[in-house]
């Protein structure tokens, strides 16, 4: 059963976000914030993130995604909030 206080954030991050350690840094920040889910590179050069946690923590993570790690240049984020699945135990990098 899913905890109603948890939400899921699906975000697609555009800009210079591949080849700059974005996935690794995104995972590290998510783990620090105790979020679960995954991050992966997309063929179009963007990075997609699915993470679950409390709404306020997701907002903090979204602010981090908007900056990214050093070397990243984020031009846009398409995002949506969904009910959390509650099926993730960790935050992983998908390939």
PDB file of N, CA and C in Angstrom:
ATOM      1  N   UNK A   1       0.839  -1.187   0.000  1.00  0.00           N
ATOM      2  CA  UNK A   1       0.000   0.000   0.000  1.00  0.00           C
ATOM      3  C   UNK A   1       0.882   1.247   0.000  1.00  0.00           C
ATOM      4  N   UNK A   2       0.538   2.224  -0.802  1.00  0.00           N
ATOM      5  CA  UNK A   2       1.319   3.442  -0.945  1.00  0.00           C
ATOM      6  C   UNK A   2       0.957   4.452   0.142  1.00  0.00           C
ATOM      7  N   UNK A   3       1.965   5.093   0.702  1.00  0.00           N
ATOM      8  CA  UNK A   3       1.767   6.148   1.685  1.00  0.00           C
ATOM      9  C   UNK A   3       1.230   7.380   0.951  1.00  0.00           C
ATOM     10  N   UNK A   4       0.076   7.883   1.342  1.00  0.00           N
ATOM     11  CA  UNK A   4      -0.554   9.007   0.644  1.00  0.00           C
ATOM     12  C   UNK A   4       0.253  10.297   0.741  1.00  0.00           C
ATOM     13  N   UNK A   5       1.152  10.409   1.699  1.00  0.00           N
ATOM     14  CA  UNK A   5       1.938  11.636   1.831  1.00  0.00           C
ATOM     15  C   UNK A   5       3.106  11.665   0.842  1.00  0.00           C
ATOM     16  N   UNK A   6       3.338  10.562   0.149  1.00  0.00           N
ATOM     17  CA  UNK A   6       4.426  10.508  -0.819  1.00  0.00           C
ATOM     18  C   UNK A   6       3.902  10.779  -2.221  1.00  0.00           C
ATOM     19  N   UNK A   7       4.736  11.441  -3.006  1.00  0.00           N
ATOM     20  CA  UNK A   7       4.434  11.719  -4.404  1.00  0.00           C
ATOM     21  C   UNK A   7       5.565  11.189  -5.265  1.00  0.00           C
ATOM     22  N   UNK A   8       5.302  11.103  -6.559  1.00  0.00           N
ATOM     23  CA  UNK A   8       6.341  10.782  -7.530  1.00  0.00           C
ATOM     24  C   UNK A   8       6.554  12.010  -8.405  1.00  0.00           C
ATOM     25  N   UNK A   9       7.801  12.268  -8.729  1.00  0.00           N
ATOM     26  CA  UNK A   9       8.173  13.333  -9.655  1.00  0.00           C
ATOM     27  C   UNK A   9       8.802  12.675 -10.866  1.00  0.00           C
ATOM     28  N   UNK A  10       8.257  12.948 -12.041  1.00  0.00           N
ATOM     29  CA  UNK A  10       8.896  12.536 -13.282  1.00  0.00           C
ATOM     30  C   UNK A  10       9.399  13.811 -13.949  1.00  0.00           C
ATOM     31  N   UNK A  11      10.692  13.856 -14.213  1.00  0.00           N
ATOM     32  CA  UNK A  11      11.292  15.051 -14.795  1.00  0.00           C
ATOM     33  C   UNK A  11      12.199  14.659 -15.950  1.00  0.00           C
ATOM     34  N   UNK A  12      12.098  15.423 -17.033  1.00  0.00           N
ATOM     35  CA  UNK A  12      12.997  15.253 -18.173  1.00  0.00           C
ATOM     36  C   UNK A  12      13.808  16.535 -18.262  1.00  0.00           C
ATOM     37  N   UNK A  13      15.133  16.395 -18.108  1.00  0.00           N
ATOM     38  CA  UNK A  13      16.026  17.533 -18.003  1.00  0.00           C
ATOM     39  C   UNK A  13      16.756  17.703 -19.334  1.00  0.00           C
ATOM     40  N   UNK A  14      16.673  18.898 -19.901  1.00  0.00           N
ATOM     41  CA  UNK A  14      17.294  19.208 -21.188  1.00  0.00           C
ATOM     42  C   UNK A  14      18.450  20.182 -21.008  1.00  0.00           C
ATOM     43  N   UNK A  15      19.362  20.182 -21.960  1.00  0.00           N
ATOM     44  CA  UNK A  15      20.512  21.078 -21.947  1.00  0.00           C
ATOM     45  C   UNK A  15      21.779  20.255 -22.069  1.00  0.00           C
ATOM     46  N   UNK A  16      22.868  20.779 -21.534  1.00  0.00           N
ATOM     47  CA  UNK A  16      24.119  20.001 -21.495  1.00  0.00           C
ATOM     48  C   UNK A  16      24.093  19.179 -20.211  1.00  0.00           C
ATOM     49  N   UNK A  17      23.487  17.992 -20.306  1.00  0.00           N
ATOM     50  CA  UNK A  17      23.273  17.163 -19.129  1.00  0.00           C
ATOM     51  C   UNK A  17      23.831  15.748 -19.288  1.00  0.00           C
ATOM     52  N   UNK A  18      24.431  15.462 -20.424  1.00  0.00           N
ATOM     53  CA  UNK A  18      25.115  14.177 -20.589  1.00  0.00           C
ATOM     54  C   UNK A  18      26.604  14.451 -20.749  1.00  0.00           C
ATOM     55  N   UNK A  19      27.411  13.553 -20.204  1.00  0.00           N
ATOM     56  CA  UNK A  19      28.862  13.724 -20.266  1.00  0.00           C
ATOM     57  C   UNK A  19      29.413  14.661 -19.213  1.00  0.00           C
ATOM     58  N   UNK A  20      28.593  15.021 -18.233  1.00  0.00           N
ATOM     59  CA  UNK A  20      29.034  15.938 -17.179  1.00  0.00           C
ATOM     60  C   UNK A  20      28.818  15.346 -15.779  1.00  0.00           C
ATOM     61  N   UNK A  21      28.532  14.043 -15.705  1.00  0.00           N
ATOM     62  CA  UNK A  21      28.306  13.392 -14.410  1.00  0.00           C
ATOM     63  C   UNK A  21      26.937  13.655 -13.828  1.00  0.00           C
ATOM     64  N   UNK A  22      25.987  14.021 -14.678  1.00  0.00           N
ATOM     65  CA  UNK A  22      24.663  14.383 -14.179  1.00  0.00           C
ATOM     66  C   UNK A  22      23.977  13.219 -13.476  1.00  0.00           C
ATOM     67  N   UNK A  23      23.973  12.032 -14.094  1.00  0.00           N
ATOM     68  CA  UNK A  23      23.286  10.883 -13.478  1.00  0.00           C
ATOM     69  C   UNK A  23      23.884  10.532 -12.127  1.00  0.00           C
ATOM     70  N   UNK A  24      25.199  10.505 -12.061  1.00  0.00           N
ATOM     71  CA  UNK A  24      25.870  10.130 -10.807  1.00  0.00           C
ATOM     72  C   UNK A  24      25.588  11.157  -9.713  1.00  0.00           C
ATOM     73  N   UNK A  25      25.655  12.425 -10.072  1.00  0.00           N
ATOM     74  CA  UNK A  25      25.370  13.479  -9.101  1.00  0.00           C
ATOM     75  C   UNK A  25      23.903  13.487  -8.697  1.00  0.00           C
ATOM     76  N   UNK A  26      23.006  13.222  -9.678  1.00  0.00           N
ATOM     77  CA  UNK A  26      21.570  13.174  -9.378  1.00  0.00           C
ATOM     78  C   UNK A  26      21.269  12.037  -8.410  1.00  0.00           C
ATOM     79  N   UNK A  27      21.924  10.893  -8.610  1.00  0.00           N
ATOM     80  CA  UNK A  27      21.737   9.767  -7.693  1.00  0.00           C
ATOM     81  C   UNK A  27      22.250  10.132  -6.300  1.00  0.00           C
ATOM     82  N   UNK A  28      23.441  10.711  -6.238  1.00  0.00           N
ATOM     83  CA  UNK A  28      24.030  11.071  -4.947  1.00  0.00           C
ATOM     84  C   UNK A  28      23.120  12.034  -4.177  1.00  0.00           C
ATOM     85  N   UNK A  29      22.589  13.043  -4.875  1.00  0.00           N
ATOM     86  CA  UNK A  29      21.706  14.014  -4.210  1.00  0.00           C
ATOM     87  C   UNK A  29      20.407  13.346  -3.763  1.00  0.00           C
ATOM     88  N   UNK A  30      19.860  12.460  -4.597  1.00  0.00           N
ATOM     89  CA  UNK A  30      18.626  11.751  -4.236  1.00  0.00           C
ATOM     90  C   UNK A  30      18.834  10.887  -2.998  1.00  0.00           C
ATOM     91  N   UNK A  31      19.962  10.206  -2.934  1.00  0.00           N
ATOM     92  CA  UNK A  31      20.268   9.368  -1.765  1.00  0.00           C
ATOM     93  C   UNK A  31      20.392  10.239  -0.519  1.00  0.00           C
ATOM     94  N   UNK A  32      21.053  11.389  -0.644  1.00  0.00           N
ATOM     95  CA  UNK A  32      21.173  12.309   0.495  1.00  0.00           C
ATOM     96  C   UNK A  32      19.798  12.747   1.000  1.00  0.00           C
ATOM     97  N   UNK A  33      18.865  12.933   0.073  1.00  0.00           N
ATOM     98  CA  UNK A  33      17.522  13.384   0.434  1.00  0.00           C
ATOM     99  C   UNK A  33      16.577  12.235   0.782  1.00  0.00           C
ATOM    100  N   UNK A  34      17.095  11.006   0.715  1.00  0.00           N
ATOM    101  CA  UNK A  34      16.320   9.795   1.028  1.00  0.00           C
ATOM    102  C   UNK A  34      15.151   9.582   0.059  1.00  0.00           C
ATOM    103  N   UNK A  35      15.388   9.909  -1.213  1.00  0.00           N
ATOM    104  CA  UNK A  35      14.409   9.657  -2.260  1.00  0.00           C
ATOM    105  C   UNK A  35      14.676   8.292  -2.877  1.00  0.00           C
ATOM    106  N   UNK A  36      13.665   7.693  -3.455  1.00  0.00           N
ATOM    107  CA  UNK A  36      13.832   6.440  -4.182  1.00  0.00           C
ATOM    108  C   UNK A  36      13.442   6.667  -5.636  1.00  0.00           C
ATOM    109  N   UNK A  37      13.919   5.771  -6.521  1.00  0.00           N
ATOM    110  CA  UNK A  37      13.579   5.879  -7.928  1.00  0.00           C
ATOM    111  C   UNK A  37      14.775   5.592  -8.814  1.00  0.00           C
ATOM    112  N   UNK A  38      14.879   6.337  -9.925  1.00  0.00           N
ATOM    113  CA  UNK A  38      15.959   6.087 -10.875  1.00  0.00           C
ATOM    114  C   UNK A  38      16.231   7.321 -11.743  1.00  0.00           C
ATOM    115  N   UNK A  39      17.378   7.290 -12.417  1.00  0.00           N
ATOM    116  CA  UNK A  39      17.776   8.323 -13.372  1.00  0.00           C
ATOM    117  C   UNK A  39      18.406   7.617 -14.561  1.00  0.00           C
ATOM    118  N   UNK A  40      18.192   8.141 -15.786  1.00  0.00           N
ATOM    119  CA  UNK A  40      18.820   7.544 -16.970  1.00  0.00           C
ATOM    120  C   UNK A  40      19.008   8.583 -18.065  1.00  0.00           C
ATOM    121  N   UNK A  41      20.015   8.339 -18.906  1.00  0.00           N
ATOM    122  CA  UNK A  41      20.231   9.141 -20.107  1.00  0.00           C
ATOM    123  C   UNK A  41      19.229   8.714 -21.168  1.00  0.00           C
ATOM    124  N   UNK A  42      18.822   9.670 -21.990  1.00  0.00           N
ATOM    125  CA  UNK A  42      17.935   9.385 -23.110  1.00  0.00           C
ATOM    126  C   UNK A  42      18.691   9.602 -24.422  1.00  0.00           C
ATOM    127  N   UNK A  43      18.225   8.966 -25.471  1.00  0.00           N
ATOM    128  CA  UNK A  43      18.872   9.074 -26.787  1.00  0.00           C
ATOM    129  C   UNK A  43      18.885  10.493 -27.333  1.00  0.00           C
ATOM    130  N   UNK A  44      17.914  11.311 -26.925  1.00  0.00           N
ATOM    131  CA  UNK A  44      17.837  12.684 -27.437  1.00  0.00           C
ATOM    132  C   UNK A  44      18.772  13.650 -26.708  1.00  0.00           C
ATOM    133  N   UNK A  45      19.605  13.134 -25.780  1.00  0.00           N
ATOM    134  CA  UNK A  45      20.557  13.974 -25.053  1.00  0.00           C
ATOM    135  C   UNK A  45      20.041  14.488 -23.721  1.00  0.00           C
ATOM    136  N   UNK A  46      18.800  14.189 -23.396  1.00  0.00           N
ATOM    137  CA  UNK A  46      18.233  14.613 -22.111  1.00  0.00           C
ATOM    138  C   UNK A  46      18.493  13.550 -21.050  1.00  0.00           C
ATOM    139  N   UNK A  47      18.097  13.858 -19.836  1.00  0.00           N
ATOM    140  CA  UNK A  47      18.163  12.919 -18.717  1.00  0.00           C
ATOM    141  C   UNK A  47      16.760  12.848 -18.106  1.00  0.00           C
ATOM    142  N   UNK A  48      16.276  11.639 -17.868  1.00  0.00           N
ATOM    143  CA  UNK A  48      14.966  11.448 -17.237  1.00  0.00           C
ATOM    144  C   UNK A  48      15.166  10.947 -15.815  1.00  0.00           C
ATOM    145  N   UNK A  49      14.356  11.494 -14.913  1.00  0.00           N
ATOM    146  CA  UNK A  49      14.389  11.116 -13.502  1.00  0.00           C
ATOM    147  C   UNK A  49      12.980  10.727 -13.070  1.00  0.00           C
ATOM    148  N   UNK A  50      12.863   9.619 -12.350  1.00  0.00           N
ATOM    149  CA  UNK A  50      11.625   9.267 -11.652  1.00  0.00           C
ATOM    150  C   UNK A  50      12.017   9.103 -10.196  1.00  0.00           C
ATOM    151  N   UNK A  51      11.461   9.944  -9.326  1.00  0.00           N
ATOM    152  CA  UNK A  51      11.797   9.826  -7.903  1.00  0.00           C
ATOM    153  C   UNK A  51      10.538   9.962  -7.070  1.00  0.00           C
ATOM    154  N   UNK A  52      10.604   9.364  -5.885  1.00  0.00           N
ATOM    155  CA  UNK A  52       9.467   9.356  -4.979  1.00  0.00           C
ATOM    156  C   UNK A  52       9.901   9.785  -3.581  1.00  0.00           C
ATOM    157  N   UNK A  53       9.028  10.562  -2.952  1.00  0.00           N
ATOM    158  CA  UNK A  53       9.297  11.027  -1.604  1.00  0.00           C
ATOM    159  C   UNK A  53       8.281  12.078  -1.205  1.00  0.00           C
ATOM    160  N   UNK A  54       8.473  12.722  -0.055  1.00  0.00           N
ATOM    161  CA  UNK A  54       7.571  13.780   0.391  1.00  0.00           C
ATOM    162  C   UNK A  54       7.626  14.981  -0.557  1.00  0.00           C
ATOM    163  N   UNK A  55       6.497  15.648  -0.726  1.00  0.00           N
ATOM    164  CA  UNK A  55       6.397  16.764  -1.673  1.00  0.00           C
ATOM    165  C   UNK A  55       7.481  17.827  -1.465  1.00  0.00           C
ATOM    166  N   UNK A  56       7.718  18.222  -0.235  1.00  0.00           N
ATOM    167  CA  UNK A  56       8.719  19.260   0.032  1.00  0.00           C
ATOM    168  C   UNK A  56      10.124  18.833  -0.363  1.00  0.00           C
ATOM    169  N   UNK A  57      10.436  17.569  -0.155  1.00  0.00           N
ATOM    170  CA  UNK A  57      11.758  17.047  -0.516  1.00  0.00           C
ATOM    171  C   UNK A  57      11.875  16.965  -2.045  1.00  0.00           C
ATOM    172  N   UNK A  58      10.796  16.592  -2.719  1.00  0.00           N
ATOM    173  CA  UNK A  58      10.811  16.563  -4.181  1.00  0.00           C
ATOM    174  C   UNK A  58      11.043  17.955  -4.750  1.00  0.00           C
ATOM    175  N   UNK A  59      10.462  18.975  -4.134  1.00  0.00           N
ATOM    176  CA  UNK A  59      10.679  20.351  -4.588  1.00  0.00           C
ATOM    177  C   UNK A  59      12.141  20.750  -4.415  1.00  0.00           C
ATOM    178  N   UNK A  60      12.742  20.347  -3.293  1.00  0.00           N
ATOM    179  CA  UNK A  60      14.165  20.635  -3.067  1.00  0.00           C
ATOM    180  C   UNK A  60      15.020  19.940  -4.129  1.00  0.00           C
ATOM    181  N   UNK A  61      14.682  18.700  -4.442  1.00  0.00           N
ATOM    182  CA  UNK A  61      15.411  17.945  -5.465  1.00  0.00           C
ATOM    183  C   UNK A  61      15.233  18.591  -6.842  1.00  0.00           C
ATOM    184  N   UNK A  62      14.043  19.053  -7.143  1.00  0.00           N
ATOM    185  CA  UNK A  62      13.796  19.717  -8.418  1.00  0.00           C
ATOM    186  C   UNK A  62      14.657  20.971  -8.559  1.00  0.00           C
ATOM    187  N   UNK A  63      14.830  21.708  -7.476  1.00  0.00           N
ATOM    188  CA  UNK A  63      15.710  22.886  -7.507  1.00  0.00           C
ATOM    189  C   UNK A  63      17.142  22.462  -7.821  1.00  0.00           C
ATOM    190  N   UNK A  64      17.583  21.332  -7.240  1.00  0.00           N
ATOM    191  CA  UNK A  64      18.921  20.834  -7.548  1.00  0.00           C
ATOM    192  C   UNK A  64      19.003  20.444  -9.031  1.00  0.00           C
ATOM    193  N   UNK A  65      17.983  19.737  -9.535  1.00  0.00           N
ATOM    194  CA  UNK A  65      17.977  19.337 -10.951  1.00  0.00           C
ATOM    195  C   UNK A  65      18.094  20.549 -11.869  1.00  0.00           C
ATOM    196  N   UNK A  66      17.511  21.655 -11.483  1.00  0.00           N
ATOM    197  CA  UNK A  66      17.548  22.867 -12.294  1.00  0.00           C
ATOM    198  C   UNK A  66      18.964  23.440 -12.408  1.00  0.00           C
ATOM    199  N   UNK A  67      19.809  23.142 -11.440  1.00  0.00           N
ATOM    200  CA  UNK A  67      21.216  23.578 -11.473  1.00  0.00           C
ATOM    201  C   UNK A  67      22.107  22.465 -12.021  1.00  0.00           C
ATOM    202  N   UNK A  68      21.896  21.265 -11.487  1.00  0.00           N
ATOM    203  CA  UNK A  68      22.735  20.132 -11.859  1.00  0.00           C
ATOM    204  C   UNK A  68      24.134  20.253 -11.280  1.00  0.00           C
ATOM    205  N   UNK A  69      25.015  19.321 -11.639  1.00  0.00           N
ATOM    206  CA  UNK A  69      26.394  19.352 -11.141  1.00  0.00           C
ATOM    207  C   UNK A  69      27.221  20.380 -11.903  1.00  0.00           C
ATOM    208  N   UNK A  70      28.422  20.685 -11.412  1.00  0.00           N
ATOM    209  CA  UNK A  70      29.308  21.585 -12.164  1.00  0.00           C
ATOM    210  C   UNK A  70      29.509  21.041 -13.583  1.00  0.00           C
ATOM    211  N   UNK A  71      29.468  21.929 -14.554  1.00  0.00           N
ATOM    212  CA  UNK A  71      29.638  21.520 -15.944  1.00  0.00           C
ATOM    213  C   UNK A  71      28.323  21.343 -16.679  1.00  0.00           C
ATOM    214  N   UNK A  72      27.243  21.149 -15.950  1.00  0.00           N
ATOM    215  CA  UNK A  72      25.925  21.004 -16.580  1.00  0.00           C
ATOM    216  C   UNK A  72      25.343  22.378 -16.877  1.00  0.00           C
ATOM    217  N   UNK A  73      24.593  22.447 -17.951  1.00  0.00           N
ATOM    218  CA  UNK A  73      23.829  23.655 -18.283  1.00  0.00           C
ATOM    219  C   UNK A  73      22.403  23.189 -18.562  1.00  0.00           C
ATOM    220  N   UNK A  74      21.517  23.441 -17.623  1.00  0.00           N
ATOM    221  CA  UNK A  74      20.130  23.009 -17.749  1.00  0.00           C
ATOM    222  C   UNK A  74      19.351  24.115 -18.458  1.00  0.00           C
ATOM    223  N   UNK A  75      18.742  23.763 -19.582  1.00  0.00           N
ATOM    224  CA  UNK A  75      17.959  24.751 -20.336  1.00  0.00           C
ATOM    225  C   UNK A  75      16.466  24.660 -20.051  1.00  0.00           C
ATOM    226  N   UNK A  76      16.007  23.458 -19.672  1.00  0.00           N
ATOM    227  CA  UNK A  76      14.573  23.275 -19.451  1.00  0.00           C
ATOM    228  C   UNK A  76      14.333  21.971 -18.702  1.00  0.00           C
ATOM    229  N   UNK A  77      13.263  21.954 -17.917  1.00  0.00           N
ATOM    230  CA  UNK A  77      12.813  20.725 -17.266  1.00  0.00           C
ATOM    231  C   UNK A  77      11.320  20.581 -17.518  1.00  0.00           C
ATOM    232  N   UNK A  78      10.939  19.462 -18.108  1.00  0.00           N
ATOM    233  CA  UNK A  78       9.525  19.109 -18.218  1.00  0.00           C
ATOM    234  C   UNK A  78       9.228  18.189 -17.043  1.00  0.00           C
ATOM    235  N   UNK A  79       8.212  18.525 -16.259  1.00  0.00           N
ATOM    236  CA  UNK A  79       7.961  17.743 -15.046  1.00  0.00           C
ATOM    237  C   UNK A  79       6.477  17.486 -14.863  1.00  0.00           C
ATOM    238  N   UNK A  80       6.212  16.433 -14.117  1.00  0.00           N
ATOM    239  CA  UNK A  80       4.844  16.154 -13.696  1.00  0.00           C
ATOM    240  C   UNK A  80       4.897  15.371 -12.396  1.00  0.00           C
ATOM    241  N   UNK A  81       3.859  15.563 -11.596  1.00  0.00           N
ATOM    242  CA  UNK A  81       3.727  14.852 -10.330  1.00  0.00           C
ATOM    243  C   UNK A  81       2.645  13.791 -10.475  1.00  0.00           C
ATOM    244  N   UNK A  82       2.910  12.639  -9.883  1.00  0.00           N
ATOM    245  CA  UNK A  82       1.994  11.499  -9.936  1.00  0.00           C
ATOM    246  C   UNK A  82       1.890  10.889  -8.543  1.00  0.00           C
ATOM    247  N   UNK A  83       0.919  10.021  -8.333  1.00  0.00           N
ATOM    248  CA  UNK A  83       0.908   9.268  -7.076  1.00  0.00           C
ATOM    249  C   UNK A  83       2.149   8.369  -7.019  1.00  0.00           C
ATOM    250  N   UNK A  84       2.727   8.246  -5.864  1.00  0.00           N
ATOM    251  CA  UNK A  84       3.898   7.375  -5.702  1.00  0.00           C
ATOM    252  C   UNK A  84       3.481   5.920  -5.849  1.00  0.00           C
ATOM    253  N   UNK A  85       4.345   5.132  -6.489  1.00  0.00           N
ATOM    254  CA  UNK A  85       4.103   3.692  -6.610  1.00  0.00           C
ATOM    255  C   UNK A  85       4.437   2.974  -5.311  1.00  0.00           C
ATOM    256  N   UNK A  86       5.479   3.474  -4.640  1.00  0.00           N
ATOM    257  CA  UNK A  86       5.914   2.847  -3.399  1.00  0.00           C
ATOM    258  C   UNK A  86       6.636   1.532  -3.593  1.00  0.00           C
ATOM    259  N   UNK A  87       7.123   1.279  -4.798  1.00  0.00           N
ATOM    260  CA  UNK A  87       7.771  -0.005  -5.093  1.00  0.00           C
ATOM    261  C   UNK A  87       9.294   0.080  -5.105  1.00  0.00           C
ATOM    262  N   UNK A  88       9.856   1.270  -5.033  1.00  0.00           N
ATOM    263  CA  UNK A  88      11.311   1.425  -5.087  1.00  0.00           C
ATOM    264  C   UNK A  88      11.896   1.372  -3.683  1.00  0.00           C
ATOM    265  N   UNK A  89      13.028   0.712  -3.552  1.00  0.00           N
ATOM    266  CA  UNK A  89      13.724   0.638  -2.258  1.00  0.00           C
ATOM    267  C   UNK A  89      14.954   1.546  -2.234  1.00  0.00           C
ATOM    268  N   UNK A  90      15.507   1.820  -3.401  1.00  0.00           N
ATOM    269  CA  UNK A  90      16.738   2.610  -3.522  1.00  0.00           C
ATOM    270  C   UNK A  90      16.571   3.604  -4.659  1.00  0.00           C
ATOM    271  N   UNK A  91      17.624   4.342  -4.937  1.00  0.00           N
ATOM    272  CA  UNK A  91      17.675   5.225  -6.104  1.00  0.00           C
ATOM    273  C   UNK A  91      18.811   4.726  -6.976  1.00  0.00           C
ATOM    274  N   UNK A  92      18.491   4.369  -8.209  1.00  0.00           N
ATOM    275  CA  UNK A  92      19.481   3.731  -9.073  1.00  0.00           C
ATOM    276  C   UNK A  92      19.711   4.509 -10.359  1.00  0.00           C
ATOM    277  N   UNK A  93      20.815   4.176 -10.998  1.00  0.00           N
ATOM    278  CA  UNK A  93      21.119   4.674 -12.341  1.00  0.00           C
ATOM    279  C   UNK A  93      20.719   3.582 -13.301  1.00  0.00           C
ATOM    280  N   UNK A  94      19.857   3.912 -14.237  1.00  0.00           N
ATOM    281  CA  UNK A  94      19.398   2.932 -15.239  1.00  0.00           C
ATOM    282  C   UNK A  94      20.220   3.125 -16.508  1.00  0.00           C
ATOM    283  N   UNK A  95      20.430   2.043 -17.195  1.00  0.00           N
ATOM    284  CA  UNK A  95      21.199   2.087 -18.437  1.00  0.00           C
ATOM    285  C   UNK A  95      20.367   1.567 -19.582  1.00  0.00           C
TER     286      UNK A  95
END
